[in-house]
């Protein structure tokens, strides 16, 4: 069987259209040898012939390596997207848990836009206008903000303040605080966040106390762990329906996903 496959490969000259099938047939044949007592093992000469034939083919057709790598990358991308989609579905309750989130816009909205953000993320600041525009133009949209401080200690401090402020400011008052903090120029740290908290009407001494509380730290740890399970590697990261959208992609792209969820229940409608 193996020799027949080798002969067929030689006769066809490894034509690209049949290369994958021919090599697959060879692999199956080689794998089946140990399981068949009547099939003789390849001799050293035969094994060398296989190696030489493959080497010759790749030398004459080096583009096959590139094609194989492109196909491998495509398959990995598809597999990663599927795994991420399954993770989003499995974590749907955690994504909107009010204990670890800020619910803005319409809390009873029919579609939810979740944003994992960092107060020192330049792209998050750029996406702020997109999120605000979507919330303003779509009264049925629920916006969920998740503090995902991955850009250093300053970001962690700012998030701790923001989480503590949540215990005092609710609804539009907190949304205004969040927008002011996101619109801050330069590096945002705990001191800057406390300054904006004070300007927003929060009791700063109470914020100072609660930002160091175990419960506040647990919220950040929970969100970071959730981001890891979802395979988030940066900010902003948006969750719409069953998909993760990375980066400041703009309001039109996010709106298209939101509209698709309303149309077919998924961020991308097939057909």
Protein backbone atom coordinates (compact mmCIF):
# COMPACT_ATOMS: atom_id res chain seq x y z
CA UNK A 1 0.00 0.00 0.00
CA UNK A 2 2.79 2.42 0.92
CA UNK A 3 4.77 1.60 -2.21
CA UNK A 4 1.63 2.06 -4.31
CA UNK A 5 1.11 5.50 -2.74
CA UNK A 6 4.73 6.47 -3.41
CA UNK A 7 4.39 5.39 -7.03
CA UNK A 8 1.20 7.40 -7.41
CA UNK A 9 2.93 10.47 -5.97
CA UNK A 10 5.81 10.08 -8.36
CA UNK A 11 3.52 9.57 -11.34
CA UNK A 12 1.41 12.63 -10.58
CA UNK A 13 4.47 14.77 -9.88
CA UNK A 14 2.76 16.04 -6.70
CA UNK A 15 0.24 18.08 -8.66
CA UNK A 16 -1.03 20.78 -6.32
CA UNK A 17 -4.67 19.86 -6.73
CA UNK A 18 -4.02 16.40 -5.34
CA UNK A 19 -1.08 17.08 -3.06
CA UNK A 20 -3.05 17.28 0.15
CA UNK A 21 -5.01 14.13 -0.57
CA UNK A 22 -1.92 12.21 -1.69
CA UNK A 23 0.09 13.14 1.39
CA UNK A 24 -2.91 12.35 3.57
CA UNK A 25 -3.15 8.94 1.95
CA UNK A 26 0.53 8.38 2.56
CA UNK A 27 0.19 9.37 6.21
CA UNK A 28 -2.75 7.01 6.68
CA UNK A 29 -0.84 4.21 5.03
CA UNK A 30 2.21 4.72 7.23
CA UNK A 31 0.09 4.96 10.35
CA UNK A 32 -1.73 1.76 9.52
CA UNK A 33 1.40 -0.38 9.16
CA UNK A 34 1.88 -1.26 12.87
CA UNK A 35 -1.76 -2.32 13.15
CA UNK A 36 -1.50 -4.83 10.29
CA UNK A 37 0.59 -7.86 11.05
CA UNK A 38 0.78 -8.87 7.38
CA UNK A 39 2.13 -5.52 6.21
CA UNK A 40 5.94 -5.46 6.21
CA UNK A 41 7.72 -2.52 7.81
CA UNK A 42 9.43 -0.05 5.52
CA UNK A 43 13.05 -0.84 4.91
CA UNK A 44 15.66 1.87 5.57
CA UNK A 45 15.95 2.34 1.82
CA UNK A 46 12.17 2.81 1.46
CA UNK A 47 12.03 5.30 4.34
CA UNK A 48 14.86 7.27 2.77
CA UNK A 49 12.98 7.25 -0.53
CA UNK A 50 10.00 8.86 1.20
CA UNK A 51 12.20 11.53 2.78
CA UNK A 52 13.96 12.22 -0.51
CA UNK A 53 10.69 12.44 -2.41
CA UNK A 54 9.19 14.92 0.05
CA UNK A 55 12.39 16.98 0.13
CA UNK A 56 12.55 17.08 -3.65
CA UNK A 57 8.93 18.16 -3.88
CA UNK A 58 9.37 21.01 -1.38
CA UNK A 59 12.59 22.20 -3.02
CA UNK A 60 10.89 22.31 -6.43
CA UNK A 61 7.69 23.84 -4.99
CA UNK A 62 8.71 26.00 -1.98
CA UNK A 63 5.47 27.93 -2.24
CA UNK A 64 3.73 24.84 -0.83
CA UNK A 65 5.22 25.64 2.59
CA UNK A 66 3.76 29.14 2.47
CA UNK A 67 0.38 27.78 1.36
CA UNK A 68 0.43 25.29 4.20
CA UNK A 69 1.25 28.01 6.74
CA UNK A 70 -1.55 30.24 5.43
CA UNK A 71 -4.01 27.38 5.71
CA UNK A 72 -2.77 26.54 9.22
CA UNK A 73 -3.21 30.15 10.29
CA UNK A 74 -6.72 30.21 8.81
CA UNK A 75 -7.68 27.07 10.69
CA UNK A 76 -6.20 28.42 13.93
CA UNK A 77 -8.12 31.67 13.50
CA UNK A 78 -11.38 29.79 12.94
CA UNK A 79 -10.73 27.54 15.95
CA UNK A 80 -9.85 30.50 18.16
CA UNK A 81 -12.98 32.40 17.12
CA UNK A 82 -15.13 29.35 17.85
CA UNK A 83 -13.52 28.84 21.25
CA UNK A 84 -14.00 32.52 22.06
CA UNK A 85 -17.62 32.38 20.96
CA UNK A 86 -18.27 29.39 23.21
CA UNK A 87 -16.55 31.20 26.10
CA UNK A 88 -18.74 34.28 25.59
CA UNK A 89 -21.88 32.14 25.63
CA UNK A 90 -20.72 30.30 28.74
CA UNK A 91 -19.90 33.55 30.58
CA UNK A 92 -23.01 35.52 29.58
CA UNK A 93 -24.19 35.95 33.17
CA UNK A 94 -20.78 37.07 34.41
CA UNK A 95 -20.56 39.63 31.61
CA UNK A 96 -23.54 41.58 32.94
CA UNK A 97 -23.15 40.86 36.65
CA UNK A 98 -23.96 44.21 38.35
CA UNK A 99 -21.58 43.34 41.18
CA UNK A 100 -18.60 43.56 38.82
CA UNK A 101 -19.97 45.89 36.14
CA UNK A 102 -21.33 49.34 35.51
CA UNK A 103 -24.70 49.19 33.78
CA UNK A 104 -25.23 52.34 31.72
CA UNK A 105 -27.63 53.67 29.10
CA UNK A 106 -30.83 51.57 29.21
CA UNK A 107 -30.49 48.84 31.89
CA UNK A 108 -33.45 47.03 30.29
CA UNK A 109 -32.14 47.30 26.76
CA UNK A 110 -32.82 44.51 24.28
CA UNK A 111 -29.17 44.33 23.13
CA UNK A 112 -26.10 44.61 25.33
CA UNK A 113 -22.75 46.15 24.45
CA UNK A 114 -20.06 45.13 26.94
CA UNK A 115 -16.78 47.02 27.00
CA UNK A 116 -13.63 45.86 28.79
CA UNK A 117 -11.61 49.05 29.27
CA UNK A 118 -8.59 50.58 30.95
CA UNK A 119 -8.52 54.25 31.99
CA UNK A 120 -5.03 54.62 30.51
CA UNK A 121 -5.86 53.00 27.19
CA UNK A 122 -5.58 55.51 24.37
CA UNK A 123 -7.82 53.45 22.10
CA UNK A 124 -10.43 53.24 24.89
CA UNK A 125 -10.41 57.04 25.07
CA UNK A 126 -10.85 57.14 21.30
CA UNK A 127 -13.77 54.69 21.53
CA UNK A 128 -15.48 56.74 24.25
CA UNK A 129 -17.25 58.96 21.72
CA UNK A 130 -18.39 55.87 19.82
CA UNK A 131 -19.93 54.30 22.92
CA UNK A 132 -21.62 57.55 23.92
CA UNK A 133 -22.98 58.08 20.41
CA UNK A 134 -24.38 54.55 20.28
CA UNK A 135 -26.02 54.97 23.69
CA UNK A 136 -27.51 58.32 22.68
CA UNK A 137 -28.81 57.20 19.28
CA UNK A 138 -30.09 53.80 20.42
CA UNK A 139 -32.48 54.06 23.40
CA UNK A 140 -32.84 50.27 23.46
CA UNK A 141 -29.11 49.64 23.95
CA UNK A 142 -27.72 48.51 27.28
CA UNK A 143 -24.07 49.43 27.87
CA UNK A 144 -21.98 47.48 30.37
CA UNK A 145 -18.56 48.75 31.46
CA UNK A 146 -16.00 46.31 32.88
CA UNK A 147 -12.88 47.70 34.61
CA UNK A 148 -10.02 45.73 33.05
CA UNK A 149 -6.85 47.49 34.29
CA UNK A 150 -4.02 45.80 32.43
CA UNK A 151 -1.77 48.79 31.74
CA UNK A 152 0.07 49.02 35.03
CA UNK A 153 -0.33 50.09 38.67
CA UNK A 154 -1.79 53.52 37.76
CA UNK A 155 -4.62 51.79 35.91
CA UNK A 156 -5.29 49.50 38.86
CA UNK A 157 -5.46 52.50 41.22
CA UNK A 158 -7.86 54.34 38.93
CA UNK A 159 -10.10 51.29 38.66
CA UNK A 160 -10.13 50.81 42.43
CA UNK A 161 -11.32 54.41 42.82
CA UNK A 162 -13.95 53.94 40.11
CA UNK A 163 -15.29 50.78 41.72
CA UNK A 164 -15.49 52.52 45.11
CA UNK A 165 -17.26 55.52 43.55
CA UNK A 166 -19.87 53.12 42.18
CA UNK A 167 -21.06 52.59 45.77
CA UNK A 168 -22.05 56.27 45.93
CA UNK A 169 -22.88 57.49 42.47
CA UNK A 170 -25.54 55.70 40.48
CA UNK A 171 -27.02 55.93 37.00
CA UNK A 172 -26.27 59.12 35.08
CA UNK A 173 -24.08 60.50 37.89
CA UNK A 174 -21.71 57.57 37.63
CA UNK A 175 -21.80 57.65 33.82
CA UNK A 176 -20.77 61.32 33.98
CA UNK A 177 -17.92 60.45 36.36
CA UNK A 178 -16.76 57.67 34.05
CA UNK A 179 -16.81 59.96 31.02
CA UNK A 180 -14.81 62.66 32.85
CA UNK A 181 -12.22 60.12 33.96
CA UNK A 182 -11.94 58.67 30.46
CA UNK A 183 -11.59 62.15 28.96
CA UNK A 184 -8.64 63.02 31.22
CA UNK A 185 -5.50 64.02 29.35
CA UNK A 186 -2.31 62.22 30.24
CA UNK A 187 -1.73 59.38 32.66
CA UNK A 188 -4.60 58.55 35.01
CA UNK A 189 -3.77 57.32 38.52
CA UNK A 190 -5.51 57.06 41.87
CA UNK A 191 -4.93 60.71 42.79
CA UNK A 192 -6.43 61.95 39.52
CA UNK A 193 -9.38 59.61 39.87
CA UNK A 194 -10.01 60.85 43.43
CA UNK A 195 -9.93 64.44 42.19
CA UNK A 196 -12.58 63.70 39.58
CA UNK A 197 -14.60 61.71 42.12
CA UNK A 198 -14.67 64.74 44.39
CA UNK A 199 -15.72 67.02 41.52
CA UNK A 200 -18.49 64.54 40.71
CA UNK A 201 -19.95 64.75 44.21
CA UNK A 202 -18.52 61.63 45.85
CA UNK A 203 -17.38 61.51 49.47
CA UNK A 204 -13.63 61.20 48.93
CA UNK A 205 -12.81 59.92 52.42
CA UNK A 206 -15.31 57.12 51.98
CA UNK A 207 -13.87 56.38 48.53
CA UNK A 208 -10.35 56.20 50.01
CA UNK A 209 -11.53 53.67 52.55
CA UNK A 210 -13.51 51.52 50.13
CA UNK A 211 -10.92 51.51 47.33
CA UNK A 212 -8.65 49.47 49.61
CA UNK A 213 -11.38 47.08 50.72
CA UNK A 214 -11.03 43.36 49.86
CA UNK A 215 -14.34 43.51 47.98
CA UNK A 216 -12.98 46.19 45.63
CA UNK A 217 -9.84 44.23 44.90
CA UNK A 218 -11.99 41.11 44.34
CA UNK A 219 -13.99 42.89 41.63
CA UNK A 220 -10.80 43.63 39.67
CA UNK A 221 -9.47 40.10 40.16
CA UNK A 222 -12.79 38.66 39.01
CA UNK A 223 -12.86 40.81 35.87
CA UNK A 224 -9.23 40.08 34.96
CA UNK A 225 -9.91 36.36 35.39
CA UNK A 226 -13.01 36.68 33.20
CA UNK A 227 -10.98 38.47 30.54
CA UNK A 228 -8.44 35.65 30.61
CA UNK A 229 -11.16 33.06 30.12
CA UNK A 230 -12.47 35.03 27.15
CA UNK A 231 -9.01 35.29 25.62
CA UNK A 232 -8.87 39.09 25.82
CA UNK A 233 -5.40 40.37 25.03
CA UNK A 234 -5.96 44.13 25.03
CA UNK A 235 -8.36 47.02 25.40
CA UNK A 236 -10.86 48.05 24.39
CA UNK A 237 -12.55 44.71 23.88
CA UNK A 238 -16.25 44.75 23.10
CA UNK A 239 -18.69 41.89 23.49
CA UNK A 240 -21.72 42.04 21.22
CA UNK A 241 -23.99 39.03 21.07
CA UNK A 242 -21.71 36.02 20.76
CA UNK A 243 -18.63 37.82 19.45
CA UNK A 244 -15.58 39.65 20.77
CA UNK A 245 -14.64 42.80 18.86
CA UNK A 246 -11.12 44.07 19.55
CA UNK A 247 -10.03 47.67 19.28
CA UNK A 248 -11.54 51.06 18.56
CA UNK A 249 -13.33 49.88 15.42
CA UNK A 250 -15.73 52.82 15.27
CA UNK A 251 -19.44 53.28 15.93
CA UNK A 252 -20.62 52.04 12.49
CA UNK A 253 -18.90 48.66 12.94
CA UNK A 254 -20.34 48.21 16.43
CA UNK A 255 -23.77 49.33 15.26
CA UNK A 256 -23.68 46.71 12.50
CA UNK A 257 -23.08 44.02 15.14
CA UNK A 258 -25.87 45.39 17.34
CA UNK A 259 -28.29 45.43 14.39
CA UNK A 260 -27.32 41.85 13.52
CA UNK A 261 -28.08 40.67 17.05
CA UNK A 262 -31.54 42.20 16.77
CA UNK A 263 -32.04 40.59 13.37
CA UNK A 264 -30.79 37.05 13.92
CA UNK A 265 -29.63 36.76 17.51
CA UNK A 266 -25.95 36.72 16.55
CA UNK A 267 -23.35 39.40 15.88
CA UNK A 268 -22.89 38.05 12.36
CA UNK A 269 -25.92 36.79 10.44
CA UNK A 270 -25.29 33.99 7.94
CA UNK A 271 -26.84 34.00 4.50
